[in-house]
Amino acid sequence: TAKKESFTGSAAVVKGGELQKRVVGNVTKSFEGTVAGVQVASGGGQPGEAASVIIRGIGSVNASATPLYVVDGIPFDGSLSAINPADIETMTVLKDASASAIYGTRASNGVVLITTKKGKKGEAKFNASATVGLQTLAKQKMADSKEYKKVFDARYVNDGNVSPFK
């Protein structure tokens, strides 16, 4: 922890309410376009696949450019698709070299601090949300033999030939 006056780095905070407005299946895709200077590129298109996040650019051809993810103060090496975007209270992106001073060399590509919601005293509440998507395939009408003969004859006539079916 540090006082705001003593922190000289660049930090962008995204509140959980902003993240919940977006309908996404992954934490990394939820803050796409909300933090200046952060590039978020979708992966291969697999459902739930994490997007690649680049905060400080690509420094090496061979080394990874992924940032350090810290969830509730603990470095997180697991899959970010395991974190429900609705459970996030805030996400803070540390973009400059001061992150390396705090977290060491693992933070050379930037740091994403994720703070999850905590339990609160009082009456118990239950919230549920669901998202549904439907997809239907368009079934094309197939031509029968008479219709096919008409199309085939028209093609021959348009090409200046005589149809072999006449």
C-alpha atoms as a PDB file:
ATOM      1  CA  THR A   1       0.000   0.000   0.000  1.00  0.00           C
ATOM      2  CA  ALA A   2       1.114   3.557  -0.610  1.00  0.00           C
ATOM      3  CA  LYS A   3      -0.313   7.022  -0.206  1.00  0.00           C
ATOM      4  CA  LYS A   4      -1.617   8.563  -3.387  1.00  0.00           C
ATOM      5  CA  GLU A   5       0.770  11.507  -2.983  1.00  0.00           C
ATOM      6  CA  SER A   6       3.839   9.267  -2.775  1.00  0.00           C
ATOM      7  CA  PHE A   7       2.883   7.093  -5.769  1.00  0.00           C
ATOM      8  CA  THR A   8       4.520   8.524  -8.898  1.00  0.00           C
ATOM      9  CA  GLY A   9       3.528   5.822 -11.367  1.00  0.00           C
ATOM     10  CA  SER A  10       0.761   5.510 -13.892  1.00  0.00           C
ATOM     11  CA  ALA A  11      -2.276   3.617 -12.635  1.00  0.00           C
ATOM     12  CA  ALA A  12      -5.690   3.288 -14.215  1.00  0.00           C
ATOM     13  CA  VAL A  13      -8.604   1.998 -12.145  1.00  0.00           C
ATOM     14  CA  VAL A  14     -11.662   0.306 -13.625  1.00  0.00           C
ATOM     15  CA  LYS A  15     -14.566  -0.167 -11.224  1.00  0.00           C
ATOM     16  CA  GLY A  16     -16.548  -3.380 -11.123  1.00  0.00           C
ATOM     17  CA  GLY A  17     -19.752  -1.620 -12.194  1.00  0.00           C
ATOM     18  CA  GLU A  18     -18.155  -0.690 -15.514  1.00  0.00           C
ATOM     19  CA  LEU A  19     -17.034  -4.280 -16.022  1.00  0.00           C
ATOM     20  CA  GLN A  20     -20.478  -5.701 -15.327  1.00  0.00           C
ATOM     21  CA  LYS A  21     -22.047  -3.543 -18.042  1.00  0.00           C
ATOM     22  CA  ARG A  22     -20.172  -5.525 -20.655  1.00  0.00           C
ATOM     23  CA  VAL A  23     -21.378  -8.964 -21.698  1.00  0.00           C
ATOM     24  CA  VAL A  24     -18.176 -10.990 -21.942  1.00  0.00           C
ATOM     25  CA  GLY A  25     -17.056 -14.419 -20.902  1.00  0.00           C
ATOM     26  CA  ASN A  26     -13.574 -13.483 -19.759  1.00  0.00           C
ATOM     27  CA  VAL A  27     -11.992 -10.950 -17.416  1.00  0.00           C
ATOM     28  CA  THR A  28      -9.389  -9.762 -19.917  1.00  0.00           C
ATOM     29  CA  LYS A  29     -11.977  -8.939 -22.563  1.00  0.00           C
ATOM     30  CA  SER A  30     -14.048  -7.007 -20.039  1.00  0.00           C
ATOM     31  CA  PHE A  31     -11.639  -4.084 -19.727  1.00  0.00           C
ATOM     32  CA  GLU A  32     -10.905  -3.787 -23.427  1.00  0.00           C
ATOM     33  CA  GLY A  33     -11.137  -0.125 -24.395  1.00  0.00           C
ATOM     34  CA  THR A  34     -11.498   1.152 -20.834  1.00  0.00           C
ATOM     35  CA  VAL A  35      -7.805   1.774 -20.069  1.00  0.00           C
ATOM     36  CA  ALA A  36      -5.723   4.067 -22.264  1.00  0.00           C
ATOM     37  CA  GLY A  37      -2.511   2.543 -23.586  1.00  0.00           C
ATOM     38  CA  VAL A  38      -3.551  -1.063 -23.016  1.00  0.00           C
ATOM     39  CA  GLN A  39      -3.900  -3.300 -26.057  1.00  0.00           C
ATOM     40  CA  VAL A  40      -6.277  -6.245 -25.832  1.00  0.00           C
ATOM     41  CA  ALA A  41      -6.284  -8.716 -28.712  1.00  0.00           C
ATOM     42  CA  SER A  42      -8.715 -11.594 -28.936  1.00  0.00           C
ATOM     43  CA  GLY A  43      -7.249 -15.051 -29.086  1.00  0.00           C
ATOM     44  CA  GLY A  44      -8.167 -17.848 -31.444  1.00  0.00           C
ATOM     45  CA  GLY A  45     -11.925 -17.530 -30.959  1.00  0.00           C
ATOM     46  CA  GLN A  46     -12.459 -20.442 -28.583  1.00  0.00           C
ATOM     47  CA  PRO A  47     -15.269 -19.785 -26.059  1.00  0.00           C
ATOM     48  CA  GLY A  48     -13.817 -18.596 -22.759  1.00  0.00           C
ATOM     49  CA  GLU A  49     -10.328 -18.190 -24.199  1.00  0.00           C
ATOM     50  CA  ALA A  50      -8.355 -15.392 -22.595  1.00  0.00           C
ATOM     51  CA  ALA A  51      -7.386 -12.429 -24.727  1.00  0.00           C
ATOM     52  CA  SER A  52      -3.766 -11.353 -24.855  1.00  0.00           C
ATOM     53  CA  VAL A  53      -3.125  -8.135 -22.951  1.00  0.00           C
ATOM     54  CA  ILE A  54      -0.136  -5.935 -23.793  1.00  0.00           C
ATOM     55  CA  ILE A  55       0.506  -3.027 -21.435  1.00  0.00           C
ATOM     56  CA  ARG A  56       4.077  -1.887 -22.046  1.00  0.00           C
ATOM     57  CA  GLY A  57       4.578  -3.134 -25.588  1.00  0.00           C
ATOM     58  CA  ILE A  58       6.566  -6.120 -26.791  1.00  0.00           C
ATOM     59  CA  GLY A  59      10.114  -5.975 -25.442  1.00  0.00           C
ATOM     60  CA  SER A  60      11.493  -9.191 -26.891  1.00  0.00           C
ATOM     61  CA  VAL A  61      10.777 -11.567 -29.720  1.00  0.00           C
ATOM     62  CA  ASN A  62      11.291 -14.654 -27.574  1.00  0.00           C
ATOM     63  CA  ALA A  63      10.009 -13.499 -24.177  1.00  0.00           C
ATOM     64  CA  SER A  64       6.384 -13.230 -23.150  1.00  0.00           C
ATOM     65  CA  ALA A  65       4.674  -9.822 -23.142  1.00  0.00           C
ATOM     66  CA  THR A  66       1.893 -10.801 -20.734  1.00  0.00           C
ATOM     67  CA  PRO A  67       1.501  -8.701 -17.589  1.00  0.00           C
ATOM     68  CA  LEU A  68       1.629  -9.935 -14.016  1.00  0.00           C
ATOM     69  CA  TYR A  69      -1.859 -10.576 -12.643  1.00  0.00           C
ATOM     70  CA  VAL A  70      -2.299 -10.049  -8.898  1.00  0.00           C
ATOM     71  CA  VAL A  71      -5.621 -11.187  -7.419  1.00  0.00           C
ATOM     72  CA  ASP A  72      -6.313  -9.894  -3.899  1.00  0.00           C
ATOM     73  CA  GLY A  73      -2.595  -9.356  -3.280  1.00  0.00           C
ATOM     74  CA  ILE A  74      -1.440 -12.771  -4.504  1.00  0.00           C
ATOM     75  CA  PRO A  75       0.274 -13.290  -7.875  1.00  0.00           C
ATOM     76  CA  PHE A  76      -2.062 -15.334 -10.063  1.00  0.00           C
ATOM     77  CA  ASP A  77      -0.705 -17.814 -12.607  1.00  0.00           C
ATOM     78  CA  GLY A  78      -3.940 -19.657 -13.379  1.00  0.00           C
ATOM     79  CA  SER A  79      -6.450 -19.185 -16.151  1.00  0.00           C
ATOM     80  CA  LEU A  80      -8.225 -15.836 -16.001  1.00  0.00           C
ATOM     81  CA  SER A  81     -11.374 -17.455 -17.347  1.00  0.00           C
ATOM     82  CA  ALA A  82     -11.746 -18.951 -13.854  1.00  0.00           C
ATOM     83  CA  ILE A  83     -12.511 -15.481 -12.461  1.00  0.00           C
ATOM     84  CA  ASN A  84     -16.103 -14.363 -12.841  1.00  0.00           C
ATOM     85  CA  PRO A  85     -16.249 -10.730 -14.054  1.00  0.00           C
ATOM     86  CA  ALA A  86     -19.256 -10.175 -11.761  1.00  0.00           C
ATOM     87  CA  ASP A  87     -17.043 -10.948  -8.721  1.00  0.00           C
ATOM     88  CA  ILE A  88     -14.563  -8.153  -9.454  1.00  0.00           C
ATOM     89  CA  GLU A  89     -14.760  -4.985  -7.386  1.00  0.00           C
ATOM     90  CA  THR A  90     -11.916  -3.095  -9.105  1.00  0.00           C
ATOM     91  CA  MET A  91      -9.151  -3.684 -11.619  1.00  0.00           C
ATOM     92  CA  THR A  92      -6.072  -1.470 -11.468  1.00  0.00           C
ATOM     93  CA  VAL A  93      -3.544  -1.416 -14.284  1.00  0.00           C
ATOM     94  CA  LEU A  94      -0.002  -0.329 -13.370  1.00  0.00           C
ATOM     95  CA  LYS A  95       1.613   0.685 -16.627  1.00  0.00           C
ATOM     96  CA  ASP A  96       5.053   2.072 -15.876  1.00  0.00           C
ATOM     97  CA  ALA A  97       8.354   1.070 -14.325  1.00  0.00           C
ATOM     98  CA  SER A  98       7.179   1.793 -10.789  1.00  0.00           C
ATOM     99  CA  ALA A  99       5.339  -1.547 -10.968  1.00  0.00           C
ATOM    100  CA  SER A 100       8.746  -3.230 -11.250  1.00  0.00           C
ATOM    101  CA  ALA A 101       9.850  -1.443  -8.086  1.00  0.00           C
ATOM    102  CA  ILE A 102       6.894  -2.937  -6.226  1.00  0.00           C
ATOM    103  CA  TYR A 103       6.655  -6.438  -7.744  1.00  0.00           C
ATOM    104  CA  GLY A 104      10.161  -7.025  -9.138  1.00  0.00           C
ATOM    105  CA  THR A 105      11.140  -8.322 -12.569  1.00  0.00           C
ATOM    106  CA  ARG A 106       7.889 -10.247 -13.041  1.00  0.00           C
ATOM    107  CA  ALA A 107       6.172  -6.867 -13.415  1.00  0.00           C
ATOM    108  CA  SER A 108       8.354  -5.685 -16.289  1.00  0.00           C
ATOM    109  CA  ASN A 109       5.397  -6.057 -18.672  1.00  0.00           C
ATOM    110  CA  GLY A 110       2.999  -4.213 -16.364  1.00  0.00           C
ATOM    111  CA  VAL A 111       0.688  -5.343 -13.577  1.00  0.00           C
ATOM    112  CA  VAL A 112      -3.069  -5.927 -13.441  1.00  0.00           C
ATOM    113  CA  LEU A 113      -4.322  -5.774  -9.849  1.00  0.00           C
ATOM    114  CA  ILE A 114      -7.695  -7.472  -9.432  1.00  0.00           C
ATOM    115  CA  THR A 115      -9.647  -6.890  -6.237  1.00  0.00           C
ATOM    116  CA  THR A 116     -12.619  -9.188  -5.734  1.00  0.00           C
ATOM    117  CA  LYS A 117     -15.780  -8.384  -3.810  1.00  0.00           C
ATOM    118  CA  LYS A 118     -15.874  -9.208  -0.129  1.00  0.00           C
ATOM    119  CA  GLY A 119     -18.726 -10.349   2.041  1.00  0.00           C
ATOM    120  CA  LYS A 120     -20.611  -7.620   3.897  1.00  0.00           C
ATOM    121  CA  LYS A 121     -22.519  -7.631   7.153  1.00  0.00           C
ATOM    122  CA  GLY A 122     -26.266  -7.426   7.010  1.00  0.00           C
ATOM    123  CA  GLU A 123     -29.114  -9.158   5.299  1.00  0.00           C
ATOM    124  CA  ALA A 124     -28.201 -11.918   2.880  1.00  0.00           C
ATOM    125  CA  LYS A 125     -28.927 -11.168  -0.762  1.00  0.00           C
ATOM    126  CA  PHE A 126     -28.982 -13.446  -3.747  1.00  0.00           C
ATOM    127  CA  ASN A 127     -28.445 -12.087  -7.261  1.00  0.00           C
ATOM    128  CA  ALA A 128     -28.777 -14.116 -10.415  1.00  0.00           C
ATOM    129  CA  SER A 129     -28.168 -13.147 -14.004  1.00  0.00           C
ATOM    130  CA  ALA A 130     -28.297 -15.084 -17.228  1.00  0.00           C
ATOM    131  CA  THR A 131     -27.437 -14.463 -20.840  1.00  0.00           C
ATOM    132  CA  VAL A 132     -28.900 -16.520 -23.651  1.00  0.00           C
ATOM    133  CA  GLY A 133     -28.000 -16.590 -27.313  1.00  0.00           C
ATOM    134  CA  LEU A 134     -29.783 -18.450 -30.082  1.00  0.00           C
ATOM    135  CA  GLN A 135     -28.573 -19.414 -33.506  1.00  0.00           C
ATOM    136  CA  THR A 136     -30.557 -20.993 -36.290  1.00  0.00           C
ATOM    137  CA  LEU A 137     -29.284 -22.367 -39.538  1.00  0.00           C
ATOM    138  CA  ALA A 138     -30.890 -21.142 -42.707  1.00  0.00           C
ATOM    139  CA  LYS A 139     -32.204 -24.141 -44.643  1.00  0.00           C
ATOM    140  CA  GLN A 140     -32.098 -23.531 -48.344  1.00  0.00           C
ATOM    141  CA  LYS A 141     -34.810 -24.824 -50.638  1.00  0.00           C
ATOM    142  CA  MET A 142     -33.314 -27.385 -52.979  1.00  0.00           C
ATOM    143  CA  ALA A 143     -34.383 -27.569 -56.620  1.00  0.00           C
ATOM    144  CA  ASP A 144     -36.192 -30.673 -57.821  1.00  0.00           C
ATOM    145  CA  SER A 145     -35.476 -32.242 -61.232  1.00  0.00           C
ATOM    146  CA  LYS A 146     -37.906 -29.999 -63.178  1.00  0.00           C
ATOM    147  CA  GLU A 147     -36.514 -26.802 -61.641  1.00  0.00           C
ATOM    148  CA  TYR A 148     -32.937 -27.968 -62.229  1.00  0.00           C
ATOM    149  CA  LYS A 149     -33.744 -28.616 -65.937  1.00  0.00           C
ATOM    150  CA  LYS A 150     -35.129 -25.053 -66.240  1.00  0.00           C
ATOM    151  CA  VAL A 151     -31.976 -23.522 -64.755  1.00  0.00           C
ATOM    152  CA  PHE A 152     -29.728 -25.774 -66.852  1.00  0.00           C
ATOM    153  CA  ASP A 153     -31.639 -24.878 -70.059  1.00  0.00           C
ATOM    154  CA  ALA A 154     -31.478 -21.153 -69.236  1.00  0.00           C
ATOM    155  CA  ARG A 155     -27.732 -21.394 -68.773  1.00  0.00           C
ATOM    156  CA  TYR A 156     -27.247 -22.994 -72.168  1.00  0.00           C
ATOM    157  CA  VAL A 157     -29.517 -20.442 -73.888  1.00  0.00           C
ATOM    158  CA  ASN A 158     -27.698 -17.535 -72.198  1.00  0.00           C
ATOM    159  CA  ASP A 159     -24.360 -18.919 -73.426  1.00  0.00           C
ATOM    160  CA  GLY A 160     -25.722 -19.117 -76.985  1.00  0.00           C
ATOM    161  CA  ASN A 161     -25.876 -22.898 -77.090  1.00  0.00           C
ATOM    162  CA  VAL A 162     -28.676 -25.387 -77.537  1.00  0.00           C
ATOM    163  CA  SER A 163     -29.701 -27.352 -74.454  1.00  0.00           C
ATOM    164  CA  PRO A 164     -28.982 -31.089 -74.690  1.00  0.00           C
ATOM    165  CA  PHE A 165     -32.328 -31.760 -72.909  1.00  0.00           C
ATOM    166  CA  LYS A 166     -34.504 -30.404 -75.757  1.00  0.00           C
END
